[in-house]
């Protein structure tokens, strides 16, 4: 028995909101070019090639199949051989076409259909129009924070912006916007993992000062914090806020309910506008509590 590194799977993205996440086997009971869910016993026409790490062989999978569907008394040797061939085919497809949608032919052999991205772009609902208020709020943030050249580029982008909240790939409109900003190296939203170091915070703030305001501001030294302190360390953002305020700047943080901090660097005089605009893009502002 070997560890199986790849297998065929399904989930809500592939077969709709009523589908459970489960591994798939060929329908050896009826010899039909359909998959059978190893948990539900449901029939599926397509599956997704995924990475895994399972101690399976054709005998174990045969017994798993029997738990959800009757296999009959005859032809068991042939059915196990189909499962054995199935296991051997999957890594070959993964190597050439990772993250792909597959189906079964009449011989119960795997056939690639298309990439997962192509499949979801084709089958999932297209992003809906976004409200005028959300667009205006993104533009207000940009006008307060970006230089003229970057602002012009961002304004063109926002003209065609759609609502990506709940999108299979982006999850939120902000994530879609951030992908554009990253590609264009525009520092409107400064994204940091909660484990990012103080030096990372200084680096991204310095870039934003240079690119957006053509200024350089003295930031707190990393020496003031423990060697491995992250941006989540006590009062880090409060300390930075106080230092920035001395130079008539400020930071606001967008609450994305995730393991990231999304910062906005702006003039202190624009604080009210920034707060209103964060609400306008249908997100909340994370309060910086100074104790």
C-alpha atoms as a PDB file:
ATOM      1  CA  UNK A   1       0.000   0.000   0.000  1.00  0.00           C
ATOM      2  CA  UNK A   2       1.406   3.362  -1.077  1.00  0.00           C
ATOM      3  CA  UNK A   3       0.600   6.909  -0.078  1.00  0.00           C
ATOM      4  CA  UNK A   4      -1.627   8.431  -2.755  1.00  0.00           C
ATOM      5  CA  UNK A   5      -0.410  11.995  -3.409  1.00  0.00           C
ATOM      6  CA  UNK A   6      -3.141  13.112  -5.808  1.00  0.00           C
ATOM      7  CA  UNK A   7      -6.797  12.265  -6.198  1.00  0.00           C
ATOM      8  CA  UNK A   8     -10.107  13.420  -7.668  1.00  0.00           C
ATOM      9  CA  UNK A   9     -12.314  15.616  -5.521  1.00  0.00           C
ATOM     10  CA  UNK A  10     -15.425  17.756  -5.648  1.00  0.00           C
ATOM     11  CA  UNK A  11     -16.820  20.684  -3.662  1.00  0.00           C
ATOM     12  CA  UNK A  12     -19.378  23.508  -3.833  1.00  0.00           C
ATOM     13  CA  UNK A  13     -17.363  25.356  -6.481  1.00  0.00           C
ATOM     14  CA  UNK A  14     -17.543  22.396  -8.840  1.00  0.00           C
ATOM     15  CA  UNK A  15     -21.045  21.047  -8.226  1.00  0.00           C
ATOM     16  CA  UNK A  16     -23.014  23.784  -6.504  1.00  0.00           C
ATOM     17  CA  UNK A  17     -23.986  24.874  -2.998  1.00  0.00           C
ATOM     18  CA  UNK A  18     -25.658  21.561  -2.083  1.00  0.00           C
ATOM     19  CA  UNK A  19     -22.508  19.552  -2.804  1.00  0.00           C
ATOM     20  CA  UNK A  20     -20.319  18.341   0.053  1.00  0.00           C
ATOM     21  CA  UNK A  21     -16.532  18.181  -0.221  1.00  0.00           C
ATOM     22  CA  UNK A  22     -15.615  14.583  -0.972  1.00  0.00           C
ATOM     23  CA  UNK A  23     -13.247  12.352  -2.906  1.00  0.00           C
ATOM     24  CA  UNK A  24     -14.513  10.601  -6.025  1.00  0.00           C
ATOM     25  CA  UNK A  25     -14.234   7.084  -7.448  1.00  0.00           C
ATOM     26  CA  UNK A  26     -15.235   5.745 -10.867  1.00  0.00           C
ATOM     27  CA  UNK A  27     -18.635   4.043 -10.950  1.00  0.00           C
ATOM     28  CA  UNK A  28     -17.362   0.472 -10.943  1.00  0.00           C
ATOM     29  CA  UNK A  29     -20.772  -0.862  -9.869  1.00  0.00           C
ATOM     30  CA  UNK A  30     -22.546   0.040 -13.107  1.00  0.00           C
ATOM     31  CA  UNK A  31     -19.472   0.545 -15.311  1.00  0.00           C
ATOM     32  CA  UNK A  32     -20.745   4.008 -16.259  1.00  0.00           C
ATOM     33  CA  UNK A  33     -18.509   7.022 -17.059  1.00  0.00           C
ATOM     34  CA  UNK A  34     -19.530   8.771 -13.845  1.00  0.00           C
ATOM     35  CA  UNK A  35     -17.853   9.476 -10.522  1.00  0.00           C
ATOM     36  CA  UNK A  36     -19.286   8.294  -7.206  1.00  0.00           C
ATOM     37  CA  UNK A  37     -18.763  10.307  -4.029  1.00  0.00           C
ATOM     38  CA  UNK A  38     -16.850   8.312  -1.404  1.00  0.00           C
ATOM     39  CA  UNK A  39     -18.871   9.922   1.394  1.00  0.00           C
ATOM     40  CA  UNK A  40     -22.330  10.535  -0.069  1.00  0.00           C
ATOM     41  CA  UNK A  41     -22.577   7.903  -2.808  1.00  0.00           C
ATOM     42  CA  UNK A  42     -23.847  10.607  -5.169  1.00  0.00           C
ATOM     43  CA  UNK A  43     -23.091  10.509  -8.878  1.00  0.00           C
ATOM     44  CA  UNK A  44     -21.008  13.271 -10.496  1.00  0.00           C
ATOM     45  CA  UNK A  45     -20.051  13.995 -14.081  1.00  0.00           C
ATOM     46  CA  UNK A  46     -16.849  15.908 -13.307  1.00  0.00           C
ATOM     47  CA  UNK A  47     -14.120  16.117 -10.683  1.00  0.00           C
ATOM     48  CA  UNK A  48     -11.111  18.217  -9.725  1.00  0.00           C
ATOM     49  CA  UNK A  49      -7.530  16.925  -9.552  1.00  0.00           C
ATOM     50  CA  UNK A  50      -6.140  17.826  -6.114  1.00  0.00           C
ATOM     51  CA  UNK A  51      -3.136  17.077  -3.976  1.00  0.00           C
ATOM     52  CA  UNK A  52      -3.603  14.799  -0.989  1.00  0.00           C
ATOM     53  CA  UNK A  53      -1.765  12.303   1.185  1.00  0.00           C
ATOM     54  CA  UNK A  54      -3.769   9.125   1.761  1.00  0.00           C
ATOM     55  CA  UNK A  55      -2.810   5.510   2.432  1.00  0.00           C
ATOM     56  CA  UNK A  56      -4.997   3.940  -0.224  1.00  0.00           C
ATOM     57  CA  UNK A  57      -4.749   1.119  -2.728  1.00  0.00           C
ATOM     58  CA  UNK A  58      -7.339  -0.571  -4.956  1.00  0.00           C
ATOM     59  CA  UNK A  59      -8.422  -2.952  -2.177  1.00  0.00           C
ATOM     60  CA  UNK A  60      -9.065  -0.178   0.344  1.00  0.00           C
ATOM     61  CA  UNK A  61     -10.899   1.903  -2.260  1.00  0.00           C
ATOM     62  CA  UNK A  62     -12.980  -1.086  -3.293  1.00  0.00           C
ATOM     63  CA  UNK A  63     -14.114  -1.503   0.322  1.00  0.00           C
ATOM     64  CA  UNK A  64     -14.777   2.241   0.605  1.00  0.00           C
ATOM     65  CA  UNK A  65     -16.910   2.081  -2.531  1.00  0.00           C
ATOM     66  CA  UNK A  66     -18.954  -0.782  -1.036  1.00  0.00           C
ATOM     67  CA  UNK A  67     -19.877   1.452   1.915  1.00  0.00           C
ATOM     68  CA  UNK A  68     -21.833   3.809  -0.336  1.00  0.00           C
ATOM     69  CA  UNK A  69     -22.926   1.584  -3.233  1.00  0.00           C
ATOM     70  CA  UNK A  70     -23.454  -2.110  -3.886  1.00  0.00           C
ATOM     71  CA  UNK A  71     -20.845  -3.669  -6.191  1.00  0.00           C
ATOM     72  CA  UNK A  72     -22.479  -7.067  -6.743  1.00  0.00           C
ATOM     73  CA  UNK A  73     -20.907 -10.495  -6.415  1.00  0.00           C
ATOM     74  CA  UNK A  74     -19.297 -10.830  -9.835  1.00  0.00           C
ATOM     75  CA  UNK A  75     -16.401  -9.144 -11.611  1.00  0.00           C
ATOM     76  CA  UNK A  76     -14.658  -7.964  -8.463  1.00  0.00           C
ATOM     77  CA  UNK A  77     -11.195  -8.618  -9.826  1.00  0.00           C
ATOM     78  CA  UNK A  78     -11.944  -6.470 -12.881  1.00  0.00           C
ATOM     79  CA  UNK A  79     -13.423  -3.702 -10.718  1.00  0.00           C
ATOM     80  CA  UNK A  80     -10.343  -3.621  -8.509  1.00  0.00           C
ATOM     81  CA  UNK A  81      -8.192  -3.401 -11.640  1.00  0.00           C
ATOM     82  CA  UNK A  82     -10.203  -0.335 -12.751  1.00  0.00           C
ATOM     83  CA  UNK A  83      -9.496   1.273  -9.378  1.00  0.00           C
ATOM     84  CA  UNK A  84      -5.806   0.395  -9.659  1.00  0.00           C
ATOM     85  CA  UNK A  85      -5.637   1.983 -13.113  1.00  0.00           C
ATOM     86  CA  UNK A  86      -7.533   5.000 -11.767  1.00  0.00           C
ATOM     87  CA  UNK A  87      -4.957   5.547  -9.022  1.00  0.00           C
ATOM     88  CA  UNK A  88      -2.101   5.311 -11.523  1.00  0.00           C
ATOM     89  CA  UNK A  89      -3.670   7.782 -13.987  1.00  0.00           C
ATOM     90  CA  UNK A  90      -4.246  10.666 -11.563  1.00  0.00           C
ATOM     91  CA  UNK A  91      -0.588  11.663 -10.914  1.00  0.00           C
ATOM     92  CA  UNK A  92       0.089  11.633 -14.664  1.00  0.00           C
ATOM     93  CA  UNK A  93      -2.694  14.157 -15.267  1.00  0.00           C
ATOM     94  CA  UNK A  94      -1.581  16.201 -12.234  1.00  0.00           C
ATOM     95  CA  UNK A  95       1.966  16.394 -13.552  1.00  0.00           C
ATOM     96  CA  UNK A  96       0.864  17.695 -16.959  1.00  0.00           C
ATOM     97  CA  UNK A  97      -2.306  19.558 -15.990  1.00  0.00           C
ATOM     98  CA  UNK A  98      -2.406  20.433 -12.258  1.00  0.00           C
ATOM     99  CA  UNK A  99      -5.611  21.865 -10.802  1.00  0.00           C
ATOM    100  CA  UNK A 100      -7.738  20.642 -13.696  1.00  0.00           C
ATOM    101  CA  UNK A 101     -11.309  19.484 -14.205  1.00  0.00           C
ATOM    102  CA  UNK A 102     -11.538  15.886 -15.428  1.00  0.00           C
ATOM    103  CA  UNK A 103     -14.203  13.399 -16.475  1.00  0.00           C
ATOM    104  CA  UNK A 104     -14.329   9.684 -17.325  1.00  0.00           C
ATOM    105  CA  UNK A 105     -14.578   8.152 -20.778  1.00  0.00           C
ATOM    106  CA  UNK A 106     -16.496   4.970 -21.607  1.00  0.00           C
ATOM    107  CA  UNK A 107     -13.512   2.866 -20.482  1.00  0.00           C
ATOM    108  CA  UNK A 108     -13.524   4.670 -17.086  1.00  0.00           C
ATOM    109  CA  UNK A 109     -10.222   6.325 -17.942  1.00  0.00           C
ATOM    110  CA  UNK A 110      -9.607   9.935 -16.889  1.00  0.00           C
ATOM    111  CA  UNK A 111      -9.843  12.693 -19.486  1.00  0.00           C
ATOM    112  CA  UNK A 112      -8.883  16.318 -18.849  1.00  0.00           C
ATOM    113  CA  UNK A 113     -11.622  18.816 -19.689  1.00  0.00           C
ATOM    114  CA  UNK A 114     -10.137  22.209 -18.785  1.00  0.00           C
ATOM    115  CA  UNK A 115      -8.354  24.059 -16.013  1.00  0.00           C
ATOM    116  CA  UNK A 116     -10.218  24.824 -12.804  1.00  0.00           C
ATOM    117  CA  UNK A 117      -9.922  28.549 -13.520  1.00  0.00           C
ATOM    118  CA  UNK A 118     -11.391  28.151 -17.025  1.00  0.00           C
ATOM    119  CA  UNK A 119     -14.216  26.032 -15.634  1.00  0.00           C
ATOM    120  CA  UNK A 120     -15.138  28.485 -12.887  1.00  0.00           C
ATOM    121  CA  UNK A 121     -14.853  31.512 -15.160  1.00  0.00           C
ATOM    122  CA  UNK A 122     -17.274  29.786 -17.526  1.00  0.00           C
ATOM    123  CA  UNK A 123     -19.765  28.383 -15.024  1.00  0.00           C
ATOM    124  CA  UNK A 124     -19.826  30.805 -12.104  1.00  0.00           C
ATOM    125  CA  UNK A 125     -22.020  33.927 -12.152  1.00  0.00           C
ATOM    126  CA  UNK A 126     -20.273  37.021 -13.463  1.00  0.00           C
ATOM    127  CA  UNK A 127     -19.551  39.853 -10.988  1.00  0.00           C
ATOM    128  CA  UNK A 128     -22.479  42.234 -10.586  1.00  0.00           C
ATOM    129  CA  UNK A 129     -22.413  45.993 -10.924  1.00  0.00           C
ATOM    130  CA  UNK A 130     -21.129  47.883  -7.919  1.00  0.00           C
ATOM    131  CA  UNK A 131     -22.912  50.823  -6.336  1.00  0.00           C
ATOM    132  CA  UNK A 132     -22.031  54.407  -7.172  1.00  0.00           C
ATOM    133  CA  UNK A 133     -21.305  55.032  -3.478  1.00  0.00           C
ATOM    134  CA  UNK A 134     -18.682  52.269  -3.327  1.00  0.00           C
ATOM    135  CA  UNK A 135     -16.957  53.595  -6.456  1.00  0.00           C
ATOM    136  CA  UNK A 136     -16.960  57.124  -5.089  1.00  0.00           C
ATOM    137  CA  UNK A 137     -15.548  55.912  -1.776  1.00  0.00           C
ATOM    138  CA  UNK A 138     -12.650  54.115  -3.476  1.00  0.00           C
ATOM    139  CA  UNK A 139     -11.961  57.270  -5.471  1.00  0.00           C
ATOM    140  CA  UNK A 140     -12.067  59.415  -2.321  1.00  0.00           C
ATOM    141  CA  UNK A 141      -9.471  57.165  -0.704  1.00  0.00           C
ATOM    142  CA  UNK A 142      -7.287  57.383  -3.787  1.00  0.00           C
ATOM    143  CA  UNK A 143      -7.598  61.175  -4.070  1.00  0.00           C
ATOM    144  CA  UNK A 144      -6.486  61.527  -0.452  1.00  0.00           C
ATOM    145  CA  UNK A 145      -3.523  59.155  -0.737  1.00  0.00           C
ATOM    146  CA  UNK A 146      -2.088  58.889  -4.252  1.00  0.00           C
ATOM    147  CA  UNK A 147       0.006  61.093  -6.500  1.00  0.00           C
ATOM    148  CA  UNK A 148      -1.553  62.442  -9.695  1.00  0.00           C
ATOM    149  CA  UNK A 149      -0.163  59.787 -12.037  1.00  0.00           C
ATOM    150  CA  UNK A 150      -1.273  56.860  -9.896  1.00  0.00           C
ATOM    151  CA  UNK A 151      -4.602  58.516  -9.186  1.00  0.00           C
ATOM    152  CA  UNK A 152      -5.334  58.800 -12.891  1.00  0.00           C
ATOM    153  CA  UNK A 153      -4.571  55.108 -13.448  1.00  0.00           C
ATOM    154  CA  UNK A 154      -6.718  54.086 -10.480  1.00  0.00           C
ATOM    155  CA  UNK A 155      -9.618  56.272 -11.640  1.00  0.00           C
ATOM    156  CA  UNK A 156      -9.648  54.450 -14.983  1.00  0.00           C
ATOM    157  CA  UNK A 157      -9.679  51.124 -13.146  1.00  0.00           C
ATOM    158  CA  UNK A 158     -12.576  52.106 -10.862  1.00  0.00           C
ATOM    159  CA  UNK A 159     -14.746  53.132 -13.843  1.00  0.00           C
ATOM    160  CA  UNK A 160     -15.218  49.452 -14.735  1.00  0.00           C
ATOM    161  CA  UNK A 161     -15.033  48.037 -11.195  1.00  0.00           C
ATOM    162  CA  UNK A 162     -17.566  45.292 -10.368  1.00  0.00           C
ATOM    163  CA  UNK A 163     -18.776  43.746  -7.124  1.00  0.00           C
ATOM    164  CA  UNK A 164     -16.486  40.809  -6.238  1.00  0.00           C
ATOM    165  CA  UNK A 165     -17.933  40.102  -2.780  1.00  0.00           C
ATOM    166  CA  UNK A 166     -18.523  36.330  -2.622  1.00  0.00           C
ATOM    167  CA  UNK A 167     -16.551  35.720  -5.823  1.00  0.00           C
ATOM    168  CA  UNK A 168     -15.051  32.215  -6.052  1.00  0.00           C
ATOM    169  CA  UNK A 169     -11.532  33.538  -6.647  1.00  0.00           C
ATOM    170  CA  UNK A 170     -11.319  36.924  -4.880  1.00  0.00           C
ATOM    171  CA  UNK A 171     -13.855  36.628  -2.071  1.00  0.00           C
ATOM    172  CA  UNK A 172     -14.165  40.410  -1.710  1.00  0.00           C
ATOM    173  CA  UNK A 173     -14.029  43.490  -3.914  1.00  0.00           C
ATOM    174  CA  UNK A 174     -11.118  44.753  -1.821  1.00  0.00           C
ATOM    175  CA  UNK A 175      -9.073  41.659  -2.715  1.00  0.00           C
ATOM    176  CA  UNK A 176      -9.752  42.281  -6.401  1.00  0.00           C
ATOM    177  CA  UNK A 177      -8.731  45.919  -6.030  1.00  0.00           C
ATOM    178  CA  UNK A 178      -5.570  44.921  -4.160  1.00  0.00           C
ATOM    179  CA  UNK A 179      -4.557  42.542  -6.954  1.00  0.00           C
ATOM    180  CA  UNK A 180      -4.710  45.452  -9.402  1.00  0.00           C
ATOM    181  CA  UNK A 181      -2.764  47.709  -7.022  1.00  0.00           C
ATOM    182  CA  UNK A 182      -0.058  45.075  -6.536  1.00  0.00           C
ATOM    183  CA  UNK A 183       0.338  44.596 -10.279  1.00  0.00           C
ATOM    184  CA  UNK A 184       0.677  48.344 -10.821  1.00  0.00           C
ATOM    185  CA  UNK A 185       2.826  48.900  -7.696  1.00  0.00           C
ATOM    186  CA  UNK A 186       0.372  51.458  -6.355  1.00  0.00           C
ATOM    187  CA  UNK A 187       0.507  51.850  -2.574  1.00  0.00           C
ATOM    188  CA  UNK A 188      -3.064  52.799  -1.708  1.00  0.00           C
ATOM    189  CA  UNK A 189      -3.717  49.887   0.658  1.00  0.00           C
ATOM    190  CA  UNK A 190      -0.693  48.631   2.586  1.00  0.00           C
ATOM    191  CA  UNK A 191      -1.235  44.948   3.316  1.00  0.00           C
ATOM    192  CA  UNK A 192       0.707  43.190   6.075  1.00  0.00           C
ATOM    193  CA  UNK A 193       0.350  39.708   7.515  1.00  0.00           C
ATOM    194  CA  UNK A 194      -0.326  39.734  11.258  1.00  0.00           C
ATOM    195  CA  UNK A 195       3.077  38.038  11.746  1.00  0.00           C
ATOM    196  CA  UNK A 196       4.977  40.638   9.696  1.00  0.00           C
ATOM    197  CA  UNK A 197       7.922  42.241  11.473  1.00  0.00           C
ATOM    198  CA  UNK A 198       8.365  45.873  12.495  1.00  0.00           C
ATOM    199  CA  UNK A 199      10.949  46.246   9.727  1.00  0.00           C
ATOM    200  CA  UNK A 200       8.256  45.216   7.202  1.00  0.00           C
ATOM    201  CA  UNK A 201       5.984  47.946   8.538  1.00  0.00           C
ATOM    202  CA  UNK A 202       8.750  50.543   8.181  1.00  0.00           C
ATOM    203  CA  UNK A 203       9.582  49.341   4.685  1.00  0.00           C
ATOM    204  CA  UNK A 204       6.029  49.609   3.354  1.00  0.00           C
ATOM    205  CA  UNK A 205       5.366  52.958   5.042  1.00  0.00           C
ATOM    206  CA  UNK A 206       8.597  54.403   3.633  1.00  0.00           C
ATOM    207  CA  UNK A 207       7.572  53.273   0.146  1.00  0.00           C
ATOM    208  CA  UNK A 208       4.138  54.847   0.526  1.00  0.00           C
ATOM    209  CA  UNK A 209       5.659  58.118   1.735  1.00  0.00           C
ATOM    210  CA  UNK A 210       8.054  58.196  -1.213  1.00  0.00           C
ATOM    211  CA  UNK A 211       5.604  57.159  -3.927  1.00  0.00           C
ATOM    212  CA  UNK A 212       2.459  58.904  -2.711  1.00  0.00           C
ATOM    213  CA  UNK A 213       3.676  62.060  -0.984  1.00  0.00           C
ATOM    214  CA  UNK A 214       7.286  62.450  -2.137  1.00  0.00           C
ATOM    215  CA  UNK A 215       8.293  62.762   1.501  1.00  0.00           C
ATOM    216  CA  UNK A 216      10.415  61.017   4.070  1.00  0.00           C
ATOM    217  CA  UNK A 217       9.260  60.819   7.688  1.00  0.00           C
ATOM    218  CA  UNK A 218      11.217  59.539  10.671  1.00  0.00           C
ATOM    219  CA  UNK A 219       9.627  56.276  11.804  1.00  0.00           C
ATOM    220  CA  UNK A 220      10.100  54.407  15.102  1.00  0.00           C
ATOM    221  CA  UNK A 221      13.287  52.349  15.230  1.00  0.00           C
ATOM    222  CA  UNK A 222      12.979  48.572  15.225  1.00  0.00           C
ATOM    223  CA  UNK A 223      15.390  48.641  18.201  1.00  0.00           C
ATOM    224  CA  UNK A 224      12.530  49.844  20.401  1.00  0.00           C
ATOM    225  CA  UNK A 225      10.844  46.452  20.119  1.00  0.00           C
ATOM    226  CA  UNK A 226      11.878  42.871  20.978  1.00  0.00           C
ATOM    227  CA  UNK A 227      13.952  41.219  18.257  1.00  0.00           C
ATOM    228  CA  UNK A 228      11.134  39.040  16.911  1.00  0.00           C
ATOM    229  CA  UNK A 229       8.249  41.398  17.613  1.00  0.00           C
ATOM    230  CA  UNK A 230       5.574  41.512  14.925  1.00  0.00           C
ATOM    231  CA  UNK A 231       3.192  44.299  13.977  1.00  0.00           C
ATOM    232  CA  UNK A 232       0.697  42.613  16.317  1.00  0.00           C
ATOM    233  CA  UNK A 233       2.908  43.443  19.304  1.00  0.00           C
ATOM    234  CA  UNK A 234       1.312  45.617  22.012  1.00  0.00           C
ATOM    235  CA  UNK A 235       0.722  49.251  21.005  1.00  0.00           C
ATOM    236  CA  UNK A 236       2.747  49.082  17.776  1.00  0.00           C
ATOM    237  CA  UNK A 237       0.123  50.876  15.688  1.00  0.00           C
ATOM    238  CA  UNK A 238      -0.587  53.309  18.496  1.00  0.00           C
ATOM    239  CA  UNK A 239       3.113  54.219  18.672  1.00  0.00           C
ATOM    240  CA  UNK A 240       3.290  54.709  14.920  1.00  0.00           C
ATOM    241  CA  UNK A 241       0.134  56.770  14.924  1.00  0.00           C
ATOM    242  CA  UNK A 242       1.607  59.145  17.527  1.00  0.00           C
ATOM    243  CA  UNK A 243       4.862  59.514  15.592  1.00  0.00           C
ATOM    244  CA  UNK A 244       3.058  60.111  12.299  1.00  0.00           C
ATOM    245  CA  UNK A 245       0.731  62.674  13.849  1.00  0.00           C
ATOM    246  CA  UNK A 246       3.774  64.801  14.732  1.00  0.00           C
ATOM    247  CA  UNK A 247       4.414  65.120  10.995  1.00  0.00           C
ATOM    248  CA  UNK A 248       0.723  65.746  10.209  1.00  0.00           C
ATOM    249  CA  UNK A 249       0.200  62.185   8.906  1.00  0.00           C
ATOM    250  CA  UNK A 250      -1.915  59.319  10.172  1.00  0.00           C
ATOM    251  CA  UNK A 251      -2.705  55.657   9.538  1.00  0.00           C
ATOM    252  CA  UNK A 252      -6.116  54.038   9.397  1.00  0.00           C
ATOM    253  CA  UNK A 253      -6.677  50.282   9.378  1.00  0.00           C
ATOM    254  CA  UNK A 254      -9.403  48.482   7.432  1.00  0.00           C
ATOM    255  CA  UNK A 255     -10.920  45.537   9.315  1.00  0.00           C
ATOM    256  CA  UNK A 256     -11.072  42.657   6.810  1.00  0.00           C
ATOM    257  CA  UNK A 257     -11.869  39.995   9.423  1.00  0.00           C
ATOM    258  CA  UNK A 258      -8.755  38.075   8.359  1.00  0.00           C
ATOM    259  CA  UNK A 259      -5.150  37.484   9.425  1.00  0.00           C
ATOM    260  CA  UNK A 260      -3.995  40.611   7.610  1.00  0.00           C
ATOM    261  CA  UNK A 261      -3.764  44.288   8.418  1.00  0.00           C
ATOM    262  CA  UNK A 262      -4.787  46.640   5.612  1.00  0.00           C
ATOM    263  CA  UNK A 263      -3.358  50.101   6.321  1.00  0.00           C
ATOM    264  CA  UNK A 264      -4.118  53.431   4.694  1.00  0.00           C
ATOM    265  CA  UNK A 265      -1.468  56.154   5.016  1.00  0.00           C
ATOM    266  CA  UNK A 266      -2.905  59.649   4.742  1.00  0.00           C
ATOM    267  CA  UNK A 267      -2.663  63.226   5.946  1.00  0.00           C
ATOM    268  CA  UNK A 268      -3.965  63.720   9.482  1.00  0.00           C
ATOM    269  CA  UNK A 269      -6.370  66.350   8.149  1.00  0.00           C
ATOM    270  CA  UNK A 270      -8.034  63.693   5.954  1.00  0.00           C
ATOM    271  CA  UNK A 271      -8.929  61.390   8.865  1.00  0.00           C
ATOM    272  CA  UNK A 272     -12.684  62.003   8.725  1.00  0.00           C
ATOM    273  CA  UNK A 273     -12.795  61.511   4.960  1.00  0.00           C
ATOM    274  CA  UNK A 274     -10.794  58.270   5.221  1.00  0.00           C
ATOM    275  CA  UNK A 275     -13.081  56.883   7.922  1.00  0.00           C
ATOM    276  CA  UNK A 276     -16.186  57.776   5.902  1.00  0.00           C
ATOM    277  CA  UNK A 277     -14.697  56.218   2.781  1.00  0.00           C
ATOM    278  CA  UNK A 278     -13.849  52.943   4.552  1.00  0.00           C
ATOM    279  CA  UNK A 279     -17.493  52.731   5.577  1.00  0.00           C
ATOM    280  CA  UNK A 280     -18.402  53.674   1.994  1.00  0.00           C
ATOM    281  CA  UNK A 281     -16.598  50.645   0.536  1.00  0.00           C
ATOM    282  CA  UNK A 282     -18.761  48.562   2.876  1.00  0.00           C
ATOM    283  CA  UNK A 283     -16.015  47.664   5.331  1.00  0.00           C
ATOM    284  CA  UNK A 284     -15.273  48.602   8.919  1.00  0.00           C
ATOM    285  CA  UNK A 285     -12.397  50.548  10.357  1.00  0.00           C
ATOM    286  CA  UNK A 286     -10.263  48.871  12.980  1.00  0.00           C
ATOM    287  CA  UNK A 287      -9.842  51.222  15.889  1.00  0.00           C
ATOM    288  CA  UNK A 288      -6.296  51.882  17.089  1.00  0.00           C
ATOM    289  CA  UNK A 289      -6.512  51.900  20.864  1.00  0.00           C
ATOM    290  CA  UNK A 290      -3.745  53.882  22.523  1.00  0.00           C
ATOM    291  CA  UNK A 291      -3.315  52.971  26.190  1.00  0.00           C
END
